[in-house]
């Protein structure tokens, strides 16, 4: 599909929830199509996300273009501030 957003529907963290919602809102506002991958449905998806990100402690949201790691929320937020979202997502 292209852009993949690893997220979770099960979290007690308000920070994770708000970060995920903001990433989704920004992707939709820029008409960027993406696939949601819910890591809460199985540990193997969480492990896959962490392996692809190269960080054994990575938490959602994590963004990829296919299997290429783009970054986490903080990196995405920086790209939004710099108006370089498409470059960040490796679309440009």
N, C-alpha and C. Protein backbone atom coordinates (compact mmCIF):
# COMPACT_ATOMS: atom_id res chain seq x y z
N UNK A 1 0.82 -1.20 0.00
CA UNK A 1 0.00 0.00 0.00
C UNK A 1 0.85 1.26 0.00
N UNK A 2 1.97 1.26 0.67
CA UNK A 2 2.75 2.48 0.77
C UNK A 2 2.98 2.84 2.23
N UNK A 3 2.32 3.91 2.67
CA UNK A 3 2.53 4.38 4.04
C UNK A 3 1.82 3.45 5.01
N UNK A 4 2.57 3.02 6.02
CA UNK A 4 2.02 2.15 7.06
C UNK A 4 2.22 2.84 8.41
N UNK A 5 1.13 2.90 9.16
CA UNK A 5 1.16 3.49 10.50
C UNK A 5 0.90 2.40 11.52
N UNK A 6 1.93 2.07 12.27
CA UNK A 6 1.76 1.12 13.36
C UNK A 6 1.22 1.89 14.56
N UNK A 7 0.09 1.42 15.08
CA UNK A 7 -0.58 2.08 16.18
C UNK A 7 -1.18 1.02 17.08
N UNK A 8 -1.82 1.45 18.17
CA UNK A 8 -2.49 0.49 19.05
C UNK A 8 -3.85 1.02 19.47
N UNK A 9 -4.82 0.12 19.55
CA UNK A 9 -6.14 0.50 20.04
C UNK A 9 -6.25 0.26 21.54
N UNK A 10 -5.23 -0.37 22.11
CA UNK A 10 -5.25 -0.69 23.54
C UNK A 10 -4.03 -0.05 24.20
N UNK A 11 -4.27 1.07 24.88
CA UNK A 11 -3.20 1.73 25.62
C UNK A 11 -3.79 2.57 26.74
N UNK A 12 -3.09 2.62 27.84
CA UNK A 12 -3.52 3.47 28.95
C UNK A 12 -2.85 4.84 28.85
N UNK A 13 -1.94 4.99 27.90
CA UNK A 13 -1.17 6.22 27.76
C UNK A 13 -1.94 7.27 26.97
N UNK A 14 -2.26 8.37 27.61
CA UNK A 14 -2.91 9.48 26.90
C UNK A 14 -1.98 10.04 25.83
N UNK A 15 -0.69 10.04 26.12
CA UNK A 15 0.29 10.58 25.17
C UNK A 15 0.26 9.78 23.87
N UNK A 16 0.30 8.45 23.98
CA UNK A 16 0.26 7.61 22.77
C UNK A 16 -1.04 7.85 22.01
N UNK A 17 -2.17 7.89 22.72
CA UNK A 17 -3.46 8.12 22.06
C UNK A 17 -3.47 9.45 21.31
N UNK A 18 -3.01 10.51 21.95
CA UNK A 18 -3.05 11.83 21.31
C UNK A 18 -2.06 11.90 20.14
N UNK A 19 -0.90 11.28 20.29
CA UNK A 19 0.07 11.27 19.19
C UNK A 19 -0.48 10.53 17.98
N UNK A 20 -1.09 9.37 18.22
CA UNK A 20 -1.67 8.59 17.12
C UNK A 20 -2.75 9.40 16.43
N UNK A 21 -3.63 10.04 17.21
CA UNK A 21 -4.72 10.82 16.63
C UNK A 21 -4.18 11.97 15.80
N UNK A 22 -3.12 12.62 16.28
CA UNK A 22 -2.55 13.74 15.54
C UNK A 22 -1.93 13.28 14.23
N UNK A 23 -1.20 12.16 14.24
CA UNK A 23 -0.60 11.65 13.01
C UNK A 23 -1.70 11.35 11.99
N UNK A 24 -2.75 10.67 12.42
CA UNK A 24 -3.86 10.33 11.52
C UNK A 24 -4.51 11.59 10.97
N UNK A 25 -4.75 12.57 11.85
CA UNK A 25 -5.38 13.83 11.42
C UNK A 25 -4.53 14.53 10.36
N UNK A 26 -3.23 14.57 10.57
CA UNK A 26 -2.34 15.25 9.62
C UNK A 26 -2.27 14.49 8.30
N UNK A 27 -2.14 13.17 8.36
CA UNK A 27 -2.11 12.38 7.12
C UNK A 27 -3.39 12.62 6.32
N UNK A 28 -4.53 12.60 7.00
CA UNK A 28 -5.80 12.80 6.30
C UNK A 28 -5.92 14.22 5.77
N UNK A 29 -5.45 15.21 6.51
CA UNK A 29 -5.54 16.60 6.05
C UNK A 29 -4.68 16.82 4.80
N UNK A 30 -3.63 16.03 4.65
CA UNK A 30 -2.75 16.13 3.48
C UNK A 30 -3.13 15.13 2.39
N UNK A 31 -4.25 14.43 2.58
CA UNK A 31 -4.75 13.44 1.62
C UNK A 31 -3.71 12.37 1.31
N UNK A 32 -2.98 11.96 2.34
CA UNK A 32 -1.98 10.90 2.19
C UNK A 32 -2.63 9.58 2.60
N UNK A 33 -2.70 8.64 1.67
CA UNK A 33 -3.29 7.34 1.98
C UNK A 33 -2.32 6.55 2.84
N UNK A 34 -2.88 5.79 3.77
CA UNK A 34 -2.05 5.02 4.69
C UNK A 34 -2.80 3.78 5.13
N UNK A 35 -2.05 2.83 5.62
CA UNK A 35 -2.61 1.59 6.15
C UNK A 35 -2.35 1.58 7.66
N UNK A 36 -3.39 1.31 8.43
CA UNK A 36 -3.25 1.19 9.88
C UNK A 36 -2.92 -0.25 10.24
N UNK A 37 -1.91 -0.43 11.07
CA UNK A 37 -1.55 -1.76 11.55
C UNK A 37 -1.62 -1.71 13.07
N UNK A 38 -2.60 -2.41 13.62
CA UNK A 38 -2.87 -2.40 15.06
C UNK A 38 -2.02 -3.45 15.76
N UNK A 39 -1.01 -3.00 16.51
CA UNK A 39 -0.11 -3.95 17.17
C UNK A 39 -0.75 -4.63 18.37
N UNK A 40 -1.93 -4.16 18.79
CA UNK A 40 -2.57 -4.77 19.96
C UNK A 40 -3.22 -6.12 19.64
N UNK A 41 -3.33 -6.46 18.36
CA UNK A 41 -3.97 -7.73 18.01
C UNK A 41 -3.03 -8.91 18.15
N UNK A 42 -1.74 -8.63 18.32
CA UNK A 42 -0.81 -9.74 18.51
C UNK A 42 0.61 -9.25 18.74
N UNK A 43 1.30 -9.95 19.61
CA UNK A 43 2.67 -9.59 19.93
C UNK A 43 3.60 -9.62 18.74
N UNK A 44 3.28 -10.47 17.76
CA UNK A 44 4.16 -10.57 16.59
C UNK A 44 4.17 -9.27 15.80
N UNK A 45 3.05 -8.54 15.77
CA UNK A 45 3.02 -7.25 15.06
C UNK A 45 3.85 -6.20 15.81
N UNK A 46 3.79 -6.23 17.14
CA UNK A 46 4.61 -5.32 17.94
C UNK A 46 6.09 -5.62 17.70
N UNK A 47 6.43 -6.89 17.71
CA UNK A 47 7.82 -7.30 17.48
C UNK A 47 8.28 -6.91 16.08
N UNK A 48 7.39 -7.07 15.09
CA UNK A 48 7.70 -6.69 13.71
C UNK A 48 7.98 -5.19 13.62
N UNK A 49 7.12 -4.38 14.27
CA UNK A 49 7.30 -2.93 14.28
C UNK A 49 8.66 -2.56 14.88
N UNK A 50 8.96 -3.17 16.02
CA UNK A 50 10.21 -2.86 16.70
C UNK A 50 11.42 -3.30 15.90
N UNK A 51 11.32 -4.46 15.26
CA UNK A 51 12.41 -4.97 14.44
C UNK A 51 12.67 -4.05 13.25
N UNK A 52 11.59 -3.66 12.55
CA UNK A 52 11.73 -2.79 11.39
C UNK A 52 12.25 -1.41 11.78
N UNK A 53 11.86 -0.94 12.97
CA UNK A 53 12.30 0.37 13.44
C UNK A 53 13.73 0.33 13.97
N UNK A 54 14.22 -0.88 14.23
CA UNK A 54 15.56 -1.02 14.77
C UNK A 54 15.67 -0.58 16.22
N UNK A 55 14.54 -0.66 16.94
CA UNK A 55 14.50 -0.22 18.33
C UNK A 55 13.65 -1.21 19.13
N UNK A 56 14.27 -1.99 20.01
CA UNK A 56 13.53 -3.01 20.76
C UNK A 56 12.54 -2.44 21.77
N UNK A 57 12.56 -1.11 21.98
CA UNK A 57 11.61 -0.50 22.92
C UNK A 57 10.66 0.48 22.24
N UNK A 58 10.62 0.47 20.91
CA UNK A 58 9.77 1.41 20.16
C UNK A 58 8.31 1.24 20.54
N UNK A 59 7.62 2.38 20.66
CA UNK A 59 6.18 2.38 20.95
C UNK A 59 5.47 3.12 19.82
N UNK A 60 4.20 2.82 19.61
CA UNK A 60 3.46 3.51 18.56
C UNK A 60 3.27 4.99 18.91
N UNK A 61 3.04 5.82 17.92
CA UNK A 61 2.97 5.52 16.50
C UNK A 61 4.35 5.47 15.85
N UNK A 62 4.50 4.56 14.89
CA UNK A 62 5.72 4.42 14.09
C UNK A 62 5.28 4.42 12.62
N UNK A 63 6.01 5.13 11.78
CA UNK A 63 5.63 5.27 10.38
C UNK A 63 6.67 4.62 9.47
N UNK A 64 6.14 3.96 8.42
CA UNK A 64 6.96 3.28 7.43
C UNK A 64 6.40 3.58 6.04
N UNK A 65 7.29 3.52 5.04
CA UNK A 65 6.86 3.51 3.65
C UNK A 65 7.21 2.11 3.17
N UNK A 66 6.17 1.31 2.98
CA UNK A 66 6.32 -0.14 2.80
C UNK A 66 7.12 -0.66 4.00
N UNK A 67 8.33 -1.17 3.76
CA UNK A 67 9.13 -1.68 4.88
C UNK A 67 10.26 -0.72 5.26
N UNK A 68 10.32 0.45 4.64
CA UNK A 68 11.35 1.44 4.96
C UNK A 68 10.91 2.26 6.17
N UNK A 69 11.72 2.28 7.19
CA UNK A 69 11.40 3.03 8.39
C UNK A 69 11.50 4.53 8.12
N UNK A 70 10.44 5.26 8.45
CA UNK A 70 10.43 6.72 8.30
C UNK A 70 10.73 7.40 9.63
N UNK A 71 10.07 6.93 10.70
CA UNK A 71 10.34 7.52 12.00
C UNK A 71 9.17 7.40 12.96
N UNK A 72 9.37 8.03 14.13
CA UNK A 72 8.36 7.99 15.19
C UNK A 72 7.59 9.32 15.22
N UNK A 73 6.80 9.50 16.25
CA UNK A 73 5.97 10.70 16.34
C UNK A 73 6.81 11.98 16.37
N UNK A 74 7.86 12.00 17.18
CA UNK A 74 8.66 13.21 17.29
C UNK A 74 9.27 13.60 15.95
N UNK A 75 9.76 12.60 15.22
CA UNK A 75 10.36 12.87 13.91
C UNK A 75 9.29 13.36 12.92
N UNK A 76 8.11 12.75 12.98
CA UNK A 76 6.99 13.16 12.13
C UNK A 76 6.60 14.60 12.45
N UNK A 77 6.51 14.91 13.74
CA UNK A 77 6.14 16.25 14.17
C UNK A 77 7.13 17.29 13.67
N UNK A 78 8.42 16.95 13.73
CA UNK A 78 9.45 17.86 13.20
C UNK A 78 9.24 18.09 11.71
N UNK A 79 8.92 17.02 10.98
CA UNK A 79 8.70 17.15 9.53
C UNK A 79 7.48 18.02 9.24
N UNK A 80 6.45 17.93 10.07
CA UNK A 80 5.26 18.78 9.90
C UNK A 80 5.66 20.24 10.10
N UNK A 81 6.42 20.51 11.15
CA UNK A 81 6.87 21.88 11.44
C UNK A 81 7.70 22.44 10.29
N UNK A 82 8.52 21.59 9.68
CA UNK A 82 9.41 22.02 8.60
C UNK A 82 8.75 21.91 7.22
N UNK A 83 7.49 21.46 7.19
CA UNK A 83 6.75 21.26 5.94
C UNK A 83 7.49 20.32 4.99
N UNK A 84 8.00 19.22 5.57
CA UNK A 84 8.73 18.22 4.78
C UNK A 84 8.13 16.82 4.98
N UNK A 85 6.81 16.76 5.15
CA UNK A 85 6.16 15.48 5.45
C UNK A 85 6.37 14.46 4.34
N UNK A 86 6.22 14.88 3.08
CA UNK A 86 6.37 13.92 1.97
C UNK A 86 7.80 13.39 1.89
N UNK A 87 8.78 14.24 2.16
CA UNK A 87 10.17 13.78 2.16
C UNK A 87 10.38 12.82 3.34
N UNK A 88 9.83 13.17 4.50
CA UNK A 88 9.94 12.31 5.69
C UNK A 88 9.37 10.92 5.39
N UNK A 89 8.23 10.88 4.70
CA UNK A 89 7.57 9.62 4.38
C UNK A 89 8.16 8.94 3.15
N UNK A 90 9.25 9.51 2.64
CA UNK A 90 9.97 8.95 1.49
C UNK A 90 9.05 8.86 0.26
N UNK A 91 8.21 9.89 0.09
CA UNK A 91 7.28 9.96 -1.04
C UNK A 91 7.79 10.93 -2.10
N UNK A 92 8.82 11.70 -1.78
CA UNK A 92 9.30 12.73 -2.71
C UNK A 92 10.73 12.43 -3.13
